[in-house]
N, C-alpha and C. Protein backbone atom coordinates (compact mmCIF):
# COMPACT_ATOMS: atom_id res chain seq x y z
N UNK A 1 -5.04 -12.33 -9.22
CA UNK A 1 -4.41 -11.04 -9.46
C UNK A 1 -4.03 -10.41 -8.13
N UNK A 2 -2.83 -9.88 -8.07
CA UNK A 2 -2.37 -9.18 -6.87
C UNK A 2 -2.21 -7.69 -7.20
N UNK A 3 -2.54 -6.86 -6.21
CA UNK A 3 -2.34 -5.42 -6.34
C UNK A 3 -1.55 -4.94 -5.13
N UNK A 4 -0.87 -3.81 -5.32
CA UNK A 4 -0.13 -3.20 -4.22
C UNK A 4 -0.86 -1.96 -3.75
N UNK A 5 -0.84 -1.75 -2.44
CA UNK A 5 -1.43 -0.56 -1.85
C UNK A 5 -0.32 0.12 -1.07
N UNK A 6 -0.03 1.36 -1.45
CA UNK A 6 1.02 2.11 -0.79
C UNK A 6 0.48 3.48 -0.40
N UNK A 7 1.17 4.12 0.52
CA UNK A 7 0.76 5.44 0.96
C UNK A 7 1.94 6.17 1.57
N UNK A 8 1.78 7.46 1.68
CA UNK A 8 2.71 8.32 2.42
C UNK A 8 4.17 8.03 2.07
N UNK A 9 4.49 8.23 0.78
CA UNK A 9 5.86 8.03 0.32
C UNK A 9 6.74 9.25 0.59
N UNK A 10 6.15 10.43 0.69
CA UNK A 10 6.83 11.66 1.12
C UNK A 10 8.24 11.84 0.57
N UNK A 11 8.38 11.74 -0.74
CA UNK A 11 9.65 12.03 -1.42
C UNK A 11 10.81 11.10 -1.06
N UNK A 12 10.54 9.95 -0.45
CA UNK A 12 11.63 9.02 -0.14
C UNK A 12 11.89 8.14 -1.36
N UNK A 13 12.69 8.68 -2.29
CA UNK A 13 12.97 8.00 -3.55
C UNK A 13 13.64 6.63 -3.37
N UNK A 14 14.52 6.51 -2.40
CA UNK A 14 15.20 5.22 -2.19
C UNK A 14 14.19 4.13 -1.86
N UNK A 15 13.27 4.41 -0.94
CA UNK A 15 12.27 3.41 -0.57
C UNK A 15 11.27 3.17 -1.70
N UNK A 16 10.89 4.23 -2.39
CA UNK A 16 9.96 4.08 -3.51
C UNK A 16 10.57 3.16 -4.56
N UNK A 17 11.80 3.40 -4.92
CA UNK A 17 12.46 2.58 -5.95
C UNK A 17 12.61 1.13 -5.50
N UNK A 18 12.88 0.92 -4.23
CA UNK A 18 12.99 -0.44 -3.70
C UNK A 18 11.65 -1.17 -3.82
N UNK A 19 10.57 -0.47 -3.48
CA UNK A 19 9.23 -1.05 -3.59
C UNK A 19 8.89 -1.34 -5.06
N UNK A 20 9.15 -0.37 -5.94
CA UNK A 20 8.84 -0.53 -7.37
C UNK A 20 9.62 -1.71 -7.95
N UNK A 21 10.90 -1.83 -7.62
CA UNK A 21 11.71 -2.95 -8.11
C UNK A 21 11.11 -4.29 -7.67
N UNK A 22 10.70 -4.37 -6.41
CA UNK A 22 10.12 -5.61 -5.89
C UNK A 22 8.78 -5.91 -6.57
N UNK A 23 7.95 -4.90 -6.76
CA UNK A 23 6.66 -5.11 -7.41
C UNK A 23 6.83 -5.58 -8.85
N UNK A 24 7.79 -5.00 -9.55
CA UNK A 24 8.08 -5.44 -10.93
C UNK A 24 8.54 -6.90 -10.95
N UNK A 25 9.42 -7.25 -10.01
CA UNK A 25 9.93 -8.62 -9.92
C UNK A 25 8.79 -9.60 -9.64
N UNK A 26 7.82 -9.18 -8.82
CA UNK A 26 6.68 -10.02 -8.46
C UNK A 26 5.56 -9.97 -9.51
N UNK A 27 5.79 -9.17 -10.56
CA UNK A 27 4.83 -9.00 -11.66
C UNK A 27 3.47 -8.47 -11.21
N UNK A 28 3.51 -7.59 -10.23
CA UNK A 28 2.29 -6.90 -9.79
C UNK A 28 2.11 -5.71 -10.71
N UNK A 29 0.93 -5.58 -11.30
CA UNK A 29 0.70 -4.61 -12.38
C UNK A 29 -0.19 -3.44 -11.99
N UNK A 30 -0.58 -3.36 -10.73
CA UNK A 30 -1.45 -2.25 -10.30
C UNK A 30 -1.07 -1.79 -8.91
N UNK A 31 -0.89 -0.47 -8.79
CA UNK A 31 -0.67 0.16 -7.49
C UNK A 31 -1.82 1.12 -7.22
N UNK A 32 -2.37 1.03 -6.02
CA UNK A 32 -3.28 2.05 -5.52
C UNK A 32 -2.49 2.83 -4.48
N UNK A 33 -2.30 4.11 -4.72
CA UNK A 33 -1.51 4.96 -3.82
C UNK A 33 -2.48 5.86 -3.07
N UNK A 34 -2.42 5.80 -1.75
CA UNK A 34 -3.37 6.53 -0.90
C UNK A 34 -2.87 7.91 -0.49
N UNK A 35 -2.04 8.51 -1.30
CA UNK A 35 -1.69 9.92 -1.12
C UNK A 35 -0.41 10.21 -0.36
N UNK A 36 -0.03 11.48 -0.46
CA UNK A 36 1.19 12.05 0.10
C UNK A 36 2.46 11.52 -0.56
N UNK A 37 2.49 11.69 -1.88
CA UNK A 37 3.72 11.49 -2.64
C UNK A 37 4.61 12.67 -2.32
N UNK A 38 4.04 13.86 -2.41
CA UNK A 38 4.58 15.17 -2.07
C UNK A 38 4.83 16.03 -3.31
N UNK A 39 5.78 15.67 -4.17
CA UNK A 39 6.09 16.57 -5.29
C UNK A 39 5.96 15.88 -6.64
N UNK A 40 5.81 16.70 -7.69
CA UNK A 40 5.75 16.16 -9.05
C UNK A 40 7.05 15.46 -9.43
N UNK A 41 8.17 15.97 -8.95
CA UNK A 41 9.46 15.36 -9.26
C UNK A 41 9.51 13.92 -8.76
N UNK A 42 9.03 13.71 -7.53
CA UNK A 42 9.00 12.36 -6.98
C UNK A 42 8.04 11.48 -7.76
N UNK A 43 6.92 12.03 -8.14
CA UNK A 43 5.94 11.29 -8.94
C UNK A 43 6.58 10.82 -10.24
N UNK A 44 7.29 11.73 -10.89
CA UNK A 44 7.90 11.41 -12.19
C UNK A 44 9.12 10.51 -12.04
N UNK A 45 9.99 10.77 -11.08
CA UNK A 45 11.22 9.99 -10.92
C UNK A 45 11.01 8.65 -10.22
N UNK A 46 10.18 8.65 -9.20
CA UNK A 46 10.03 7.46 -8.37
C UNK A 46 9.22 6.34 -8.99
N UNK A 47 8.26 6.69 -9.83
CA UNK A 47 7.33 5.69 -10.33
C UNK A 47 7.50 5.37 -11.81
N UNK A 48 8.44 6.02 -12.46
CA UNK A 48 8.62 5.89 -13.91
C UNK A 48 8.95 4.45 -14.33
N UNK A 49 9.62 3.69 -13.50
CA UNK A 49 10.04 2.34 -13.87
C UNK A 49 8.99 1.26 -13.59
N UNK A 50 7.87 1.64 -12.99
CA UNK A 50 6.84 0.64 -12.69
C UNK A 50 6.21 0.14 -13.99
N UNK A 51 6.10 -1.17 -14.12
CA UNK A 51 5.62 -1.79 -15.36
C UNK A 51 4.12 -2.05 -15.34
N UNK A 52 3.38 -1.15 -14.74
CA UNK A 52 1.93 -1.31 -14.67
C UNK A 52 1.27 0.04 -14.53
N UNK A 53 0.05 0.02 -13.99
CA UNK A 53 -0.72 1.25 -13.79
C UNK A 53 -0.66 1.67 -12.32
N UNK A 54 -0.75 2.97 -12.12
CA UNK A 54 -0.78 3.52 -10.77
C UNK A 54 -1.95 4.49 -10.68
N UNK A 55 -2.80 4.30 -9.68
CA UNK A 55 -3.90 5.21 -9.40
C UNK A 55 -3.61 5.86 -8.05
N UNK A 56 -3.69 7.19 -8.02
CA UNK A 56 -3.27 7.94 -6.84
C UNK A 56 -4.38 8.87 -6.38
N UNK A 57 -4.68 8.81 -5.09
CA UNK A 57 -5.59 9.75 -4.46
C UNK A 57 -4.73 10.81 -3.76
N UNK A 58 -4.98 12.07 -4.06
CA UNK A 58 -4.14 13.13 -3.49
C UNK A 58 -4.30 13.23 -1.97
N UNK A 59 -3.18 13.52 -1.31
CA UNK A 59 -3.18 13.75 0.14
C UNK A 59 -2.84 15.19 0.46
N UNK A 60 -2.80 15.51 1.73
CA UNK A 60 -2.55 16.88 2.16
C UNK A 60 -1.17 17.40 1.75
N UNK A 61 -0.13 16.55 1.78
CA UNK A 61 1.21 16.99 1.37
C UNK A 61 1.25 17.25 -0.14
N UNK A 62 0.49 16.47 -0.91
CA UNK A 62 0.44 16.68 -2.36
C UNK A 62 -0.17 18.03 -2.70
N UNK A 63 -1.25 18.34 -2.02
CA UNK A 63 -1.94 19.61 -2.26
C UNK A 63 -1.05 20.78 -1.86
N UNK A 64 -0.35 20.61 -0.73
CA UNK A 64 0.55 21.66 -0.24
C UNK A 64 1.68 21.92 -1.24
N UNK A 65 2.08 20.89 -1.99
CA UNK A 65 3.16 21.03 -2.98
C UNK A 65 2.63 21.20 -4.40
N UNK A 66 1.35 21.54 -4.52
CA UNK A 66 0.72 21.84 -5.81
C UNK A 66 0.71 20.69 -6.81
N UNK A 67 0.66 19.47 -6.31
CA UNK A 67 0.49 18.32 -7.21
C UNK A 67 -0.98 18.32 -7.62
N UNK A 68 -1.22 18.29 -8.91
CA UNK A 68 -2.59 18.42 -9.41
C UNK A 68 -3.08 17.13 -10.05
N UNK A 69 -4.41 16.94 -10.05
CA UNK A 69 -4.97 15.76 -10.73
C UNK A 69 -4.59 15.76 -12.21
N UNK A 70 -4.45 14.57 -12.76
CA UNK A 70 -4.11 14.44 -14.17
C UNK A 70 -3.35 13.17 -14.44
N UNK A 71 -2.91 13.02 -15.66
CA UNK A 71 -2.17 11.84 -16.10
C UNK A 71 -0.69 12.20 -16.15
N UNK A 72 0.14 11.42 -15.48
CA UNK A 72 1.59 11.61 -15.47
C UNK A 72 2.21 10.27 -15.86
N UNK A 73 2.45 10.04 -17.12
CA UNK A 73 2.98 8.76 -17.58
C UNK A 73 2.00 7.65 -17.24
N UNK A 74 2.44 6.66 -16.43
CA UNK A 74 1.58 5.55 -16.05
C UNK A 74 0.77 5.83 -14.78
N UNK A 75 0.80 7.08 -14.31
CA UNK A 75 0.11 7.47 -13.08
C UNK A 75 -1.14 8.29 -13.39
N UNK A 76 -2.23 7.89 -12.78
CA UNK A 76 -3.48 8.62 -12.88
C UNK A 76 -3.75 9.24 -11.51
N UNK A 77 -3.60 10.55 -11.41
CA UNK A 77 -3.74 11.25 -10.14
C UNK A 77 -5.16 11.80 -10.03
N UNK A 78 -5.84 11.42 -8.96
CA UNK A 78 -7.24 11.79 -8.75
C UNK A 78 -7.37 12.75 -7.60
N UNK A 79 -8.30 13.69 -7.72
CA UNK A 79 -8.64 14.49 -6.54
C UNK A 79 -9.70 13.68 -5.80
N UNK A 80 -9.73 13.78 -4.49
CA UNK A 80 -10.71 13.01 -3.73
C UNK A 80 -10.36 11.53 -3.71
N UNK A 81 -11.39 10.70 -3.75
CA UNK A 81 -11.14 9.27 -3.64
C UNK A 81 -11.21 8.59 -5.00
N UNK A 82 -10.59 7.42 -5.07
CA UNK A 82 -10.66 6.62 -6.28
C UNK A 82 -11.45 5.36 -6.01
N UNK A 83 -11.99 4.78 -7.08
CA UNK A 83 -12.69 3.51 -6.93
C UNK A 83 -12.42 2.66 -8.15
N UNK A 84 -12.42 1.36 -7.91
CA UNK A 84 -12.11 0.41 -8.97
C UNK A 84 -12.81 -0.91 -8.65
N UNK A 85 -13.28 -1.58 -9.66
CA UNK A 85 -13.85 -2.92 -9.51
C UNK A 85 -12.89 -3.92 -10.14
N UNK A 86 -12.48 -4.92 -9.36
CA UNK A 86 -11.57 -5.94 -9.85
C UNK A 86 -12.10 -7.31 -9.45
N UNK A 87 -12.40 -8.14 -10.43
CA UNK A 87 -12.89 -9.49 -10.17
C UNK A 87 -13.99 -9.51 -9.11
N UNK A 88 -14.99 -8.70 -9.29
CA UNK A 88 -16.16 -8.62 -8.42
C UNK A 88 -15.87 -8.02 -7.04
N UNK A 89 -14.66 -7.52 -6.83
CA UNK A 89 -14.33 -6.81 -5.59
C UNK A 89 -14.47 -5.32 -5.85
N UNK A 90 -15.24 -4.67 -5.02
CA UNK A 90 -15.44 -3.22 -5.13
C UNK A 90 -14.48 -2.56 -4.15
N UNK A 91 -13.57 -1.76 -4.71
CA UNK A 91 -12.47 -1.19 -3.91
C UNK A 91 -12.47 0.33 -4.04
N UNK A 92 -12.30 1.01 -2.90
CA UNK A 92 -12.12 2.46 -2.89
C UNK A 92 -10.81 2.77 -2.18
N UNK A 93 -10.22 3.91 -2.53
CA UNK A 93 -9.00 4.33 -1.85
C UNK A 93 -8.99 5.85 -1.75
N UNK A 94 -8.48 6.34 -0.64
CA UNK A 94 -8.50 7.75 -0.31
C UNK A 94 -7.35 8.02 0.66
N UNK A 95 -7.05 9.28 0.88
CA UNK A 95 -5.96 9.58 1.82
C UNK A 95 -6.43 9.63 3.28
N UNK A 96 -7.51 10.30 3.53
CA UNK A 96 -7.90 10.61 4.91
C UNK A 96 -8.75 9.52 5.57
N UNK A 97 -8.44 9.17 6.83
CA UNK A 97 -9.17 8.10 7.52
C UNK A 97 -10.66 8.40 7.72
N UNK A 98 -11.02 9.65 7.94
CA UNK A 98 -12.44 9.98 8.15
C UNK A 98 -13.24 9.67 6.89
N UNK A 99 -12.71 10.05 5.74
CA UNK A 99 -13.38 9.75 4.46
C UNK A 99 -13.44 8.25 4.23
N UNK A 100 -12.35 7.56 4.58
CA UNK A 100 -12.31 6.11 4.40
C UNK A 100 -13.39 5.43 5.24
N UNK A 101 -13.55 5.87 6.47
CA UNK A 101 -14.59 5.28 7.34
C UNK A 101 -15.98 5.54 6.78
N UNK A 102 -16.20 6.73 6.25
CA UNK A 102 -17.49 7.02 5.61
C UNK A 102 -17.73 6.11 4.42
N UNK A 103 -16.71 5.93 3.58
CA UNK A 103 -16.83 5.05 2.42
C UNK A 103 -17.09 3.60 2.85
N UNK A 104 -16.39 3.15 3.88
CA UNK A 104 -16.54 1.78 4.36
C UNK A 104 -17.93 1.55 4.96
N UNK A 105 -18.47 2.56 5.60
CA UNK A 105 -19.77 2.43 6.25
C UNK A 105 -20.95 2.49 5.31
N UNK A 106 -20.71 2.81 4.05
CA UNK A 106 -21.81 2.97 3.10
C UNK A 106 -22.26 1.70 2.41
N UNK A 107 -21.68 0.56 2.75
CA UNK A 107 -22.04 -0.74 2.15
C UNK A 107 -21.87 -0.79 0.63
N UNK A 108 -21.08 0.10 0.06
CA UNK A 108 -20.86 0.11 -1.38
C UNK A 108 -19.57 -0.63 -1.77
N UNK A 109 -18.64 -0.78 -0.82
CA UNK A 109 -17.33 -1.34 -1.12
C UNK A 109 -17.00 -2.56 -0.27
N UNK A 110 -16.19 -3.44 -0.84
CA UNK A 110 -15.69 -4.61 -0.12
C UNK A 110 -14.42 -4.26 0.65
N UNK A 111 -13.62 -3.36 0.06
CA UNK A 111 -12.37 -2.91 0.69
C UNK A 111 -12.24 -1.41 0.50
N UNK A 112 -11.74 -0.75 1.53
CA UNK A 112 -11.40 0.67 1.44
C UNK A 112 -10.00 0.82 2.02
N UNK A 113 -9.12 1.43 1.24
CA UNK A 113 -7.74 1.68 1.66
C UNK A 113 -7.55 3.16 1.91
N UNK A 114 -6.71 3.50 2.88
CA UNK A 114 -6.44 4.91 3.19
C UNK A 114 -5.03 5.06 3.75
N UNK A 115 -4.61 6.31 3.91
CA UNK A 115 -3.29 6.61 4.44
C UNK A 115 -3.37 7.63 5.56
N UNK A 116 -2.51 8.62 5.51
CA UNK A 116 -2.46 9.79 6.38
C UNK A 116 -1.88 9.53 7.77
N UNK A 117 -2.27 8.46 8.45
CA UNK A 117 -1.80 8.22 9.82
C UNK A 117 -0.42 7.59 9.86
N UNK A 118 0.03 7.06 8.72
CA UNK A 118 1.32 6.37 8.58
C UNK A 118 1.37 5.04 9.32
N UNK A 119 0.31 4.67 9.97
CA UNK A 119 0.30 3.47 10.81
C UNK A 119 -0.49 2.34 10.14
N UNK A 120 0.14 1.17 9.94
CA UNK A 120 -0.60 0.05 9.37
C UNK A 120 -1.78 -0.31 10.28
N UNK A 121 -2.92 -0.57 9.64
CA UNK A 121 -4.12 -0.83 10.43
C UNK A 121 -5.13 -1.57 9.59
N UNK A 122 -5.88 -2.46 10.21
CA UNK A 122 -7.00 -3.10 9.53
C UNK A 122 -8.14 -3.28 10.52
N UNK A 123 -9.34 -2.98 10.05
CA UNK A 123 -10.54 -3.22 10.84
C UNK A 123 -11.69 -3.50 9.89
N UNK A 124 -12.77 -3.97 10.45
CA UNK A 124 -13.94 -4.30 9.65
C UNK A 124 -15.07 -3.35 10.05
N UNK A 125 -15.71 -2.76 9.04
CA UNK A 125 -16.88 -1.93 9.26
C UNK A 125 -18.00 -2.56 8.44
N UNK A 126 -18.94 -3.18 9.10
CA UNK A 126 -19.96 -3.95 8.39
C UNK A 126 -19.28 -5.09 7.66
N UNK A 127 -19.49 -5.18 6.36
CA UNK A 127 -18.85 -6.22 5.54
C UNK A 127 -17.61 -5.71 4.82
N UNK A 128 -17.18 -4.50 5.14
CA UNK A 128 -16.06 -3.86 4.44
C UNK A 128 -14.78 -3.94 5.27
N UNK A 129 -13.68 -4.31 4.60
CA UNK A 129 -12.37 -4.26 5.24
C UNK A 129 -11.79 -2.86 5.03
N UNK A 130 -11.42 -2.21 6.10
CA UNK A 130 -10.83 -0.88 6.08
C UNK A 130 -9.35 -1.05 6.43
N UNK A 131 -8.46 -0.62 5.52
CA UNK A 131 -7.04 -0.95 5.65
C UNK A 131 -6.16 0.27 5.39
N UNK A 132 -5.19 0.46 6.28
CA UNK A 132 -4.12 1.42 6.07
C UNK A 132 -2.84 0.61 5.88
N UNK A 133 -2.15 0.77 4.72
CA UNK A 133 -0.93 -0.01 4.46
C UNK A 133 0.32 0.52 5.16
N UNK A 134 0.17 1.58 5.95
CA UNK A 134 1.34 2.18 6.59
C UNK A 134 2.00 3.20 5.68
N UNK A 135 3.26 3.43 5.89
CA UNK A 135 3.98 4.45 5.14
C UNK A 135 5.23 3.87 4.49
N UNK A 136 5.47 4.28 3.25
CA UNK A 136 6.70 3.88 2.57
C UNK A 136 7.86 4.79 3.00
N UNK A 137 7.55 6.00 3.42
CA UNK A 137 8.59 6.98 3.75
C UNK A 137 9.43 6.59 4.95
N UNK A 138 8.86 5.91 5.93
CA UNK A 138 9.61 5.57 7.14
C UNK A 138 9.83 6.75 8.05
N UNK A 139 8.89 7.68 8.07
CA UNK A 139 9.03 8.87 8.92
C UNK A 139 8.72 8.60 10.39
N UNK A 140 7.68 7.82 10.66
CA UNK A 140 7.25 7.58 12.03
C UNK A 140 7.30 6.11 12.43
N UNK A 141 7.16 5.23 11.45
CA UNK A 141 7.15 3.79 11.67
C UNK A 141 8.05 3.14 10.62
N UNK A 142 8.28 1.85 10.78
CA UNK A 142 9.01 1.11 9.74
C UNK A 142 8.27 1.28 8.43
N UNK A 143 8.99 1.45 7.32
CA UNK A 143 8.32 1.59 6.03
C UNK A 143 7.62 0.28 5.62
N UNK A 144 6.34 0.41 5.29
CA UNK A 144 5.52 -0.75 4.90
C UNK A 144 4.59 -0.39 3.75
N UNK A 145 4.06 -1.44 3.14
CA UNK A 145 2.99 -1.32 2.16
C UNK A 145 2.23 -2.64 2.19
N UNK A 146 1.13 -2.73 1.45
CA UNK A 146 0.33 -3.95 1.47
C UNK A 146 0.22 -4.54 0.07
N UNK A 147 0.05 -5.86 0.02
CA UNK A 147 -0.24 -6.57 -1.21
C UNK A 147 -1.53 -7.34 -0.98
N UNK A 148 -2.48 -7.14 -1.88
CA UNK A 148 -3.77 -7.80 -1.76
C UNK A 148 -3.96 -8.75 -2.94
N UNK A 149 -4.24 -10.02 -2.63
CA UNK A 149 -4.52 -11.03 -3.65
C UNK A 149 -6.03 -11.14 -3.80
N UNK A 150 -6.54 -10.68 -4.91
CA UNK A 150 -7.99 -10.64 -5.13
C UNK A 150 -8.58 -12.05 -5.17
N UNK A 151 -7.86 -13.01 -5.77
CA UNK A 151 -8.36 -14.37 -5.89
C UNK A 151 -8.53 -15.08 -4.56
N UNK A 152 -7.60 -14.87 -3.64
CA UNK A 152 -7.64 -15.56 -2.34
C UNK A 152 -8.19 -14.67 -1.22
N UNK A 153 -8.38 -13.38 -1.50
CA UNK A 153 -8.83 -12.40 -0.51
C UNK A 153 -7.81 -12.25 0.63
N UNK A 154 -6.54 -12.51 0.33
CA UNK A 154 -5.48 -12.44 1.34
C UNK A 154 -4.76 -11.10 1.23
N UNK A 155 -4.57 -10.47 2.37
CA UNK A 155 -3.88 -9.19 2.47
C UNK A 155 -2.60 -9.40 3.27
N UNK A 156 -1.47 -8.95 2.71
CA UNK A 156 -0.18 -9.09 3.39
C UNK A 156 0.45 -7.72 3.59
N UNK A 157 0.98 -7.49 4.77
CA UNK A 157 1.77 -6.30 5.04
C UNK A 157 3.22 -6.62 4.72
N UNK A 158 3.85 -5.78 3.91
CA UNK A 158 5.25 -5.99 3.53
C UNK A 158 6.10 -4.92 4.21
N UNK A 159 7.21 -5.35 4.80
CA UNK A 159 8.15 -4.43 5.43
C UNK A 159 9.26 -4.16 4.42
N UNK A 160 9.45 -2.89 4.07
CA UNK A 160 10.36 -2.52 2.97
C UNK A 160 11.77 -3.03 3.22
N UNK A 161 12.29 -2.94 4.43
CA UNK A 161 13.68 -3.35 4.67
C UNK A 161 13.88 -4.86 4.52
N UNK A 162 12.80 -5.64 4.51
CA UNK A 162 12.91 -7.09 4.37
C UNK A 162 12.68 -7.57 2.94
N UNK A 163 12.46 -6.64 2.00
CA UNK A 163 12.26 -7.04 0.61
C UNK A 163 13.55 -7.60 0.04
N UNK A 164 13.44 -8.66 -0.74
CA UNK A 164 14.62 -9.24 -1.37
C UNK A 164 14.49 -9.19 -2.87
């Protein structure tokens, strides 16, 4: 099973739709979003065509734009951090790097994903992989996201402009 990890989409509907189209084509059925979608309109318009589930941890831009926790179609918006167990992998996701480091250091998770810095990053804290998939918005860096294959434990960084 493969999952997508995205973050910091910041209302960039063109890039969001490009990512969603590619994920649908690849038959990826789960997105973990590490925050900063920005507005409810983007949440509703950008992710409506995704053929799977989306779990979202709110970020600072979401809170600033009054995006609230709840169910929005196929999107489950969480305040704070989210956690999920998939094929014996314990996964947490959150927006802020400080919270992510705390989660990773607690020996409770195999992987912790986060956003906020917009910069793709991976490091190991104890036995936990701590990963930032970068930003889909393309505000500071090339737009990127990550795909994680649970069966092979392989993590790939995808560059949005290179999607076919």
